Protein backbone atom coordinates (compact mmCIF):
# COMPACT_ATOMS: atom_id res chain seq x y z
CA MET A 1 0.47 -33.13 13.12
CA THR A 2 -0.67 -32.25 9.60
CA PRO A 3 -3.29 -29.46 9.67
CA THR A 4 -6.66 -30.03 8.10
CA ILE A 5 -7.79 -27.90 5.16
CA GLN A 6 -9.95 -25.87 7.52
CA GLU A 7 -6.99 -25.22 9.82
CA GLU A 8 -4.82 -24.16 6.89
CA GLU A 9 -7.52 -21.79 5.72
CA ARG A 10 -7.78 -20.15 9.13
CA THR A 11 -4.03 -19.66 9.18
CA ALA A 12 -4.11 -18.19 5.68
CA GLY A 13 -6.68 -15.65 6.73
CA GLY A 14 -4.63 -14.28 9.59
CA THR A 15 -1.78 -11.79 9.76
CA ALA A 16 1.89 -12.14 10.53
CA SER A 17 4.22 -9.85 12.39
CA GLY A 18 6.72 -8.32 9.99
CA ALA A 19 4.66 -9.03 6.90
CA ILE A 20 4.74 -6.49 4.07
CA SER A 21 1.31 -5.10 3.22
CA LEU A 22 0.36 -4.04 -0.30
CA PHE A 23 -2.56 -2.07 -1.64
CA LEU A 24 -3.34 -3.19 -5.17
CA CYS A 25 -6.12 -2.19 -7.52
CA GLY A 26 -7.02 -2.34 -11.17
CA ASP A 27 -7.02 0.34 -13.82
CA VAL A 28 -6.97 3.95 -12.62
CA MET A 29 -8.22 5.96 -15.60
CA THR A 30 -8.07 9.59 -14.54
CA GLY A 31 -8.29 10.95 -18.08
CA ARG A 32 -11.22 12.04 -20.21
CA GLY A 33 -14.37 12.56 -18.07
CA ILE A 34 -12.58 12.36 -14.72
CA ASP A 35 -9.99 14.89 -15.88
CA GLN A 36 -12.81 17.22 -16.93
CA VAL A 37 -14.32 17.52 -13.44
CA MET A 38 -10.99 18.35 -11.78
CA PRO A 39 -9.62 21.86 -11.28
CA HIS A 40 -7.44 21.88 -14.42
CA PRO A 41 -9.23 20.02 -17.23
CA SER A 42 -7.45 19.25 -20.48
CA VAL A 43 -8.69 20.58 -23.79
CA PRO A 44 -11.79 18.36 -24.14
CA HIS A 45 -11.68 17.38 -27.81
CA LEU A 46 -11.52 13.65 -28.57
CA TYR A 47 -10.96 11.58 -31.68
CA GLU A 48 -13.41 8.78 -30.96
CA SER A 49 -15.97 7.40 -33.40
CA TYR A 50 -19.00 8.50 -31.36
CA VAL A 51 -17.82 10.96 -28.70
CA ARG A 52 -15.89 14.08 -29.67
CA ASP A 53 -15.92 15.96 -26.36
CA ALA A 54 -14.67 14.52 -23.05
CA ARG A 55 -17.33 16.53 -21.18
CA ASP A 56 -19.95 14.23 -22.70
CA TYR A 57 -18.77 11.46 -20.36
CA VAL A 58 -19.44 13.73 -17.40
CA ALA A 59 -22.90 14.47 -18.76
CA LEU A 60 -23.63 10.73 -19.10
CA ALA A 61 -22.63 10.12 -15.49
CA GLU A 62 -24.76 13.04 -14.29
CA GLU A 63 -27.72 11.88 -16.35
CA ARG A 64 -27.54 8.51 -14.65
CA ASN A 65 -26.76 9.43 -11.04
CA GLY A 66 -27.20 13.16 -10.55
CA PRO A 67 -25.17 16.37 -10.80
CA ILE A 68 -21.48 16.64 -9.97
CA ARG A 69 -20.45 20.00 -8.55
CA LYS A 70 -17.40 21.08 -10.53
CA PRO A 71 -14.56 21.52 -10.07
CA VAL A 72 -14.19 18.71 -7.57
CA SER A 73 -11.30 18.52 -5.13
CA PHE A 74 -8.30 16.41 -6.08
CA ALA A 75 -9.27 13.89 -3.39
CA TYR A 76 -12.91 13.70 -4.55
CA ILE A 77 -12.52 10.79 -6.98
CA TRP A 78 -11.13 8.48 -4.27
CA GLY A 79 -14.14 9.10 -2.03
CA ASP A 80 -14.36 6.63 0.85
CA ALA A 81 -11.35 4.73 -0.43
CA LEU A 82 -9.10 7.33 1.22
CA ALA A 83 -10.34 6.53 4.71
CA ALA A 84 -9.98 2.81 3.97
CA LEU A 85 -6.39 3.36 2.87
CA GLU A 86 -5.56 5.32 5.98
CA GLN A 87 -7.08 2.66 8.21
CA ALA A 88 -5.29 -0.20 6.46
CA ALA A 89 -2.00 1.75 6.31
CA PRO A 90 -0.37 -0.46 3.65
CA ASP A 91 3.39 -0.36 3.24
CA VAL A 92 3.08 0.14 -0.53
CA ARG A 93 0.29 1.57 -2.69
CA LEU A 94 0.47 0.31 -6.27
CA ILE A 95 -1.89 1.17 -9.12
CA ASN A 96 -2.04 0.59 -12.87
CA LEU A 97 -2.27 4.15 -14.20
CA GLU A 98 -4.01 3.81 -17.55
CA THR A 99 -3.76 7.44 -18.60
CA SER A 100 -1.20 9.70 -20.21
CA ILE A 101 -0.42 12.79 -18.10
CA THR A 102 0.19 15.45 -20.71
CA THR A 103 -0.88 18.48 -22.68
CA SER A 104 0.40 16.89 -25.90
CA GLU A 105 -1.78 17.09 -28.99
CA GLU A 106 0.06 14.29 -30.82
CA TRP A 107 -2.75 11.74 -30.53
CA TRP A 108 -1.94 8.23 -31.71
CA PRO A 109 -3.80 7.93 -35.03
CA ASP A 110 -4.42 4.17 -35.10
CA LYS A 111 -6.28 4.04 -31.76
CA GLY A 112 -9.98 4.64 -31.23
CA ILE A 113 -9.77 5.92 -27.63
CA HIS A 114 -7.29 8.37 -26.10
CA TYR A 115 -6.89 9.10 -22.39
CA ARG A 116 -5.04 12.06 -20.96
CA MET A 117 -5.02 13.95 -17.70
CA HIS A 118 -3.68 17.47 -17.39
CA PRO A 119 -0.35 17.52 -15.50
CA ALA A 120 -1.75 20.20 -13.18
CA ASN A 121 -4.19 17.56 -11.86
CA ILE A 122 -1.39 15.30 -10.59
CA ALA A 123 -2.49 16.04 -7.01
CA CYS A 124 -5.31 13.57 -7.55
CA LEU A 125 -2.65 10.85 -7.24
CA THR A 126 -0.64 12.42 -4.45
CA SER A 127 -3.84 12.94 -2.44
CA ALA A 128 -4.09 9.14 -2.22
CA ARG A 129 -0.36 8.88 -1.49
CA ILE A 130 0.25 6.50 -4.37
CA ASP A 131 3.76 5.05 -4.21
CA CYS A 132 4.11 3.48 -7.63
CA CYS A 133 2.37 3.47 -11.02
CA ALA A 134 2.60 0.51 -13.35
CA LEU A 135 2.62 2.07 -16.82
CA ALA A 136 2.95 -0.76 -19.36
CA ASN A 137 -0.62 -0.57 -20.64
CA ASN A 138 -2.65 0.32 -23.73
CA HIS A 139 -3.31 4.01 -22.99
CA VAL A 140 -0.01 5.42 -21.73
CA LEU A 141 1.13 6.41 -25.26
CA ASP A 142 -2.26 7.65 -26.45
CA TRP A 143 -0.76 11.12 -26.95
CA GLY A 144 2.49 10.04 -28.51
CA TYR A 145 6.08 10.17 -27.36
CA PRO A 146 5.77 13.75 -26.04
CA GLY A 147 2.97 12.42 -23.84
CA LEU A 148 5.21 9.57 -22.67
CA ARG A 149 7.94 11.97 -21.64
CA GLU A 150 5.60 14.35 -19.87
CA THR A 151 3.93 11.47 -18.03
CA LEU A 152 7.26 10.25 -16.67
CA ALA A 153 8.46 13.74 -15.80
CA THR A 154 5.23 14.64 -14.01
CA LEU A 155 5.23 11.49 -11.88
CA GLN A 156 8.91 11.93 -11.08
CA SER A 157 8.30 15.53 -10.03
CA VAL A 158 5.96 14.41 -7.23
CA GLY A 159 8.01 11.43 -6.12
CA ILE A 160 5.82 8.65 -7.53
CA ALA A 161 7.86 5.68 -8.75
CA THR A 162 7.16 4.16 -12.15
CA ALA A 163 7.73 0.85 -13.91
CA GLY A 164 7.16 -0.44 -17.42
CA LEU A 165 7.74 2.77 -19.41
CA GLY A 166 10.91 4.52 -20.47
CA GLU A 167 12.88 6.53 -23.02
CA ARG A 168 14.62 3.33 -24.13
CA LEU A 169 14.41 -0.41 -23.48
CA GLU A 170 16.82 -0.41 -20.55
CA LEU A 171 14.72 2.20 -18.71
CA ALA A 172 11.37 0.64 -19.63
CA ARG A 173 12.56 -2.66 -18.19
CA ALA A 174 13.95 -1.17 -14.99
CA PRO A 175 11.79 -2.12 -11.99
CA ALA A 176 10.62 0.27 -9.32
CA VAL A 177 12.36 -0.56 -6.05
CA LEU A 178 10.41 0.60 -3.01
CA GLY A 179 11.96 0.47 0.44
CA VAL A 180 9.68 -0.38 3.35
CA GLY A 181 12.00 0.32 6.25
CA ALA A 182 13.29 -2.60 8.25
CA LYS A 183 10.82 -4.95 6.56
CA GLY A 184 12.72 -4.94 3.27
CA ARG A 185 11.84 -3.90 -0.27
CA VAL A 186 9.08 -4.29 -2.82
CA VAL A 187 10.34 -4.64 -6.40
CA VAL A 188 7.76 -3.86 -9.10
CA PHE A 189 8.03 -4.93 -12.74
CA SER A 190 5.35 -3.74 -15.18
CA PHE A 191 4.56 -5.60 -18.42
CA GLY A 192 2.02 -5.18 -21.23
CA GLU A 193 0.93 -7.64 -23.91
CA GLU A 194 -0.91 -7.37 -27.21
CA GLY A 195 -4.03 -9.22 -26.01
CA SER A 196 -4.87 -6.26 -23.76
CA GLY A 197 -4.70 -3.81 -26.65
CA VAL A 198 -1.09 -2.69 -26.30
CA PRO A 199 0.13 -2.02 -29.87
CA PRO A 200 3.33 -3.97 -30.64
CA GLU A 201 4.84 -0.76 -32.03
CA TRP A 202 4.68 0.66 -28.50
CA ALA A 203 7.40 -1.77 -27.41
CA ALA A 204 10.48 0.04 -26.17
CA GLY A 205 13.61 -0.49 -28.24
CA VAL A 206 17.31 -0.03 -27.64
CA ASP A 207 16.98 3.58 -28.79
CA ARG A 208 13.18 3.93 -28.89
CA PRO A 209 10.80 5.03 -26.11
CA GLY A 210 7.99 2.71 -25.14
CA VAL A 211 6.63 0.08 -22.79
CA ASP A 212 8.05 -3.16 -21.45
CA PHE A 213 6.21 -5.31 -24.00
CA LEU A 214 5.77 -9.06 -23.65
CA PRO A 215 6.28 -10.75 -27.06
CA ASP A 216 4.25 -13.73 -25.84
CA LEU A 217 3.21 -15.55 -22.68
CA SER A 218 5.58 -18.47 -23.12
CA ARG A 219 7.75 -20.28 -20.62
CA SER A 220 10.83 -18.92 -22.36
CA THR A 221 9.59 -15.36 -21.81
CA ALA A 222 9.03 -16.19 -18.13
CA ARG A 223 12.60 -17.51 -17.92
CA GLU A 224 13.95 -14.30 -19.47
CA ILE A 225 12.03 -12.30 -16.88
CA GLY A 226 13.52 -14.59 -14.25
CA GLU A 227 17.02 -13.54 -15.28
CA ARG A 228 16.01 -9.91 -14.77
CA VAL A 229 14.41 -10.67 -11.41
CA ARG A 230 17.48 -12.52 -10.15
CA SER A 231 19.72 -9.59 -11.11
CA VAL A 232 17.91 -7.31 -8.65
CA LYS A 233 16.17 -9.49 -6.04
CA ARG A 234 17.68 -9.65 -2.59
CA VAL A 235 16.80 -11.95 0.26
CA GLY A 236 13.57 -10.64 1.80
CA ASP A 237 12.44 -8.72 -1.30
CA ILE A 238 8.86 -9.06 -2.50
CA VAL A 239 8.74 -9.08 -6.32
CA VAL A 240 5.51 -7.96 -7.99
CA ALA A 241 4.80 -8.57 -11.68
CA SER A 242 2.12 -6.07 -12.70
CA ILE A 243 0.73 -7.31 -16.02
CA HIS A 244 -1.72 -5.68 -18.42
CA TRP A 245 -3.12 -8.70 -20.23
CA GLY A 246 -6.23 -10.19 -21.75
CA GLY A 247 -9.54 -8.71 -22.83
CA ASN A 248 -11.88 -6.30 -21.09
CA TRP A 249 -14.87 -8.57 -20.47
CA GLY A 250 -15.36 -12.16 -19.42
CA TYR A 251 -14.41 -14.43 -16.54
CA PRO A 252 -12.61 -17.36 -18.23
CA ILE A 253 -8.86 -17.42 -17.65
CA SER A 254 -6.99 -18.81 -20.61
CA PRO A 255 -4.70 -21.79 -20.07
CA VAL A 256 -1.89 -19.70 -21.57
CA GLN A 257 -2.36 -16.94 -18.97
CA ARG A 258 -2.51 -19.42 -16.14
CA ALA A 259 0.59 -21.31 -17.31
CA PHE A 260 2.49 -18.03 -17.66
CA ALA A 261 1.48 -16.94 -14.15
CA HIS A 262 2.66 -20.26 -12.75
CA ALA A 263 5.94 -20.01 -14.68
CA LEU A 264 6.61 -16.53 -13.29
CA ILE A 265 6.29 -17.97 -9.79
CA ASP A 266 8.03 -21.31 -10.42
CA GLU A 267 10.92 -20.09 -12.57
CA ALA A 268 11.15 -16.30 -12.25
CA GLN A 269 10.88 -15.97 -8.46
CA VAL A 270 7.89 -13.61 -8.68
CA ASP A 271 5.90 -13.41 -5.44
CA VAL A 272 2.77 -11.46 -6.44
CA ILE A 273 1.08 -11.24 -9.84
CA HIS A 274 -0.99 -8.07 -10.19
CA GLY A 275 -3.11 -8.63 -13.29
CA HIS A 276 -5.31 -5.99 -14.92
CA SER A 277 -7.09 -5.01 -18.14
CA SER A 278 -10.47 -6.60 -17.41
CA HIS A 279 -13.15 -4.01 -16.63
CA HIS A 280 -14.42 -6.17 -13.75
CA PRO A 281 -12.75 -8.36 -11.09
CA ARG A 282 -11.87 -11.91 -12.08
CA GLY A 283 -10.95 -15.09 -10.22
CA ILE A 284 -8.04 -15.30 -7.80
CA GLU A 285 -5.49 -18.09 -7.38
CA VAL A 286 -2.80 -18.90 -4.83
CA HIS A 287 -0.05 -20.96 -6.47
CA ARG A 288 2.67 -22.37 -4.24
CA GLY A 289 1.61 -19.84 -1.63
CA ARG A 290 1.92 -16.87 -4.03
CA LEU A 291 -0.95 -14.56 -4.94
CA ILE A 292 -2.24 -14.34 -8.52
CA LEU A 293 -4.80 -11.64 -9.27
CA TYR A 294 -5.82 -12.45 -12.83
CA GLY A 295 -7.87 -9.29 -13.22
CA CYS A 296 -8.46 -6.58 -10.63
CA GLY A 297 -11.16 -4.75 -12.62
CA ASP A 298 -11.30 -1.02 -13.27
CA PHE A 299 -10.86 1.04 -10.12
CA LEU A 300 -11.58 4.54 -11.46
CA ASN A 301 -13.13 5.30 -14.83
CA ASP A 302 -15.75 7.45 -16.57
CA TYR A 303 -17.94 4.56 -17.81
CA GLU A 304 -20.78 5.38 -15.44
CA GLY A 305 -23.34 6.34 -18.04
CA ILE A 306 -22.30 3.87 -20.73
CA HIS A 307 -24.64 0.96 -21.41
CA GLY A 308 -23.60 -2.59 -22.19
CA TYR A 309 -22.13 -5.55 -20.30
CA GLU A 310 -24.32 -4.82 -17.27
CA ALA A 311 -24.18 -8.48 -16.22
CA PHE A 312 -20.53 -8.02 -15.25
CA ARG A 313 -21.32 -5.14 -12.86
CA GLY A 314 -18.44 -2.97 -14.01
CA ASP A 315 -19.56 -0.32 -11.49
CA LEU A 316 -18.34 -2.58 -8.67
CA THR A 317 -14.68 -2.78 -7.83
CA LEU A 318 -12.37 -4.01 -5.09
CA MET A 319 -9.56 -2.62 -2.98
CA TYR A 320 -7.06 -5.47 -2.54
CA PHE A 321 -4.97 -5.50 0.65
CA ALA A 322 -2.41 -8.29 0.52
CA SER A 323 -0.16 -9.24 3.39
CA VAL A 324 2.99 -11.06 2.23
CA GLU A 325 5.74 -12.72 4.23
CA PRO A 326 9.06 -11.24 3.07
CA ALA A 327 11.17 -14.24 4.07
CA SER A 328 9.27 -16.59 1.74
CA GLY A 329 7.11 -14.42 -0.51
CA ARG A 330 4.06 -16.37 0.59
CA LEU A 331 0.66 -14.78 0.96
CA VAL A 332 -0.40 -14.39 4.58
CA SER A 333 -3.83 -12.86 3.94
CA LEU A 334 -5.88 -11.07 1.33
CA ARG A 335 -8.60 -8.68 2.42
CA MET A 336 -10.78 -6.97 -0.16
CA LEU A 337 -13.07 -3.98 0.29
CA PRO A 338 -16.01 -3.77 -2.14
CA MET A 339 -16.55 -0.32 -3.64
CA GLN A 340 -18.93 1.21 -6.18
CA LEU A 341 -18.36 4.03 -8.65
CA HIS A 342 -21.07 6.67 -8.34
CA ARG A 343 -20.81 10.23 -9.73
CA LEU A 344 -17.17 9.57 -10.66
CA ARG A 345 -16.36 8.79 -7.02
CA LEU A 346 -15.65 5.63 -5.02
CA ASN A 347 -18.27 4.73 -2.43
CA PRO A 348 -18.71 1.67 -0.21
CA ALA A 349 -20.71 -1.03 -1.98
CA SER A 350 -24.05 -2.01 -0.47
CA SER A 351 -24.27 -5.25 1.50
CA ARG A 352 -26.19 -6.76 -1.41
CA ASP A 353 -23.47 -5.80 -3.89
CA ALA A 354 -20.76 -7.06 -1.54
CA GLN A 355 -22.58 -10.39 -1.41
CA TRP A 356 -22.74 -10.42 -5.23
CA LEU A 357 -18.97 -9.90 -5.44
CA CYS A 358 -18.39 -12.60 -2.85
CA GLN A 359 -20.49 -15.10 -4.77
CA MET A 360 -18.74 -14.21 -8.01
CA LEU A 361 -15.26 -14.69 -6.52
CA ASP A 362 -16.40 -17.94 -4.94
CA ARG A 363 -17.75 -19.20 -8.26
CA GLU A 364 -14.72 -18.16 -10.31
CA GLY A 365 -12.27 -19.32 -7.66
CA HIS A 366 -13.68 -22.83 -7.48
CA ALA A 367 -11.48 -24.16 -10.29
CA LEU A 368 -8.54 -22.15 -8.93
CA GLY A 369 -8.71 -23.57 -5.41
CA THR A 370 -9.91 -20.42 -3.67
CA ARG A 371 -13.08 -19.18 -2.08
CA ALA A 372 -14.24 -15.84 -0.73
CA GLN A 373 -15.86 -15.12 2.59
CA LEU A 374 -17.97 -12.08 3.45
CA GLU A 375 -17.00 -10.74 6.85
CA PRO A 376 -19.37 -8.98 9.31
CA ASP A 377 -17.74 -5.60 8.51
CA GLY A 378 -18.56 -5.97 4.80
CA ALA A 379 -15.03 -6.86 3.69
CA LEU A 380 -14.18 -10.02 1.77
CA THR A 381 -11.37 -12.36 2.72
CA LEU A 382 -9.75 -15.03 0.58
CA ARG A 383 -9.49 -18.63 1.71
CA TRP A 384 -7.30 -21.23 0.07
CA ALA A 385 -6.12 -24.72 0.87
């Protein structure tokens, strides 16, 4: 008997024994204002057109939502997300870390914004038990090659795996391989492309440090990635392509992005596409049973007091909990927890805001074949045919 669409959707929303569970989120920007409220703030000077002191971003947040008692604990910024993580107990916790971890003063001169977090604040990541940081993005080299090296060394010192950044091309291209016991492995590749603001000169070379830079979003590039995936993928592995792509604002997904995402699944054996760069969540697709997050939205930032683009509700974000079947790479379920940034801390979104996010995902998912459902506990679940 062939199941109806409704029956398929109910199956898709369930869970499966032995599935690998992933926590995914968008940009984690622990530099600048967030760094300033932690126990070991960096030297606060900036080289931006309008803001010259990182503490000004703290002042903007306080002006909008009230005082922040400083220094905060390392766990403070995660707020209620920590309890949600503990309850969900995902096998792997993956973030896009869009910050250099360094004391370097070699700021990149051709960029207007520079993010850095003091290495002594690294406990803000270990407090959330982050397993892996995707690093191929447009802020990881904000403080030059010394900043690159210190970022990698600091993450390595606390046992956090990295992908997408290295001292040379071979290392920048090397995926993070995360064992999840008897369930198998999660293999994470991290890529950055120029449309998200990654400077082409940041591309790693044979003897040059840098990021795993995508020259384009063509089918031939997807095939080349496929060769790299096949060289490492074992039966039962879940392969994640974490991609920093596209602009910061707007819901439309370009045909080029969508075709590239499909090619990664069809020809490169990628199972999950973890897209980021947009400052707000974007539509979600399930292609041949594989999850495509086109834009997860910022997860942690210091934009709280900045005006502009209010219609996109950049203060709202989502925790994505994906359950994936290791034998096939197919998505079993996707549960999303709506959160709101308030006083540089993650808090549960109100029921009204959760409904707004649900309606947005429903609207943007219509052309992608997905819809969102608001559950009685305030979480969102994805449905697809």
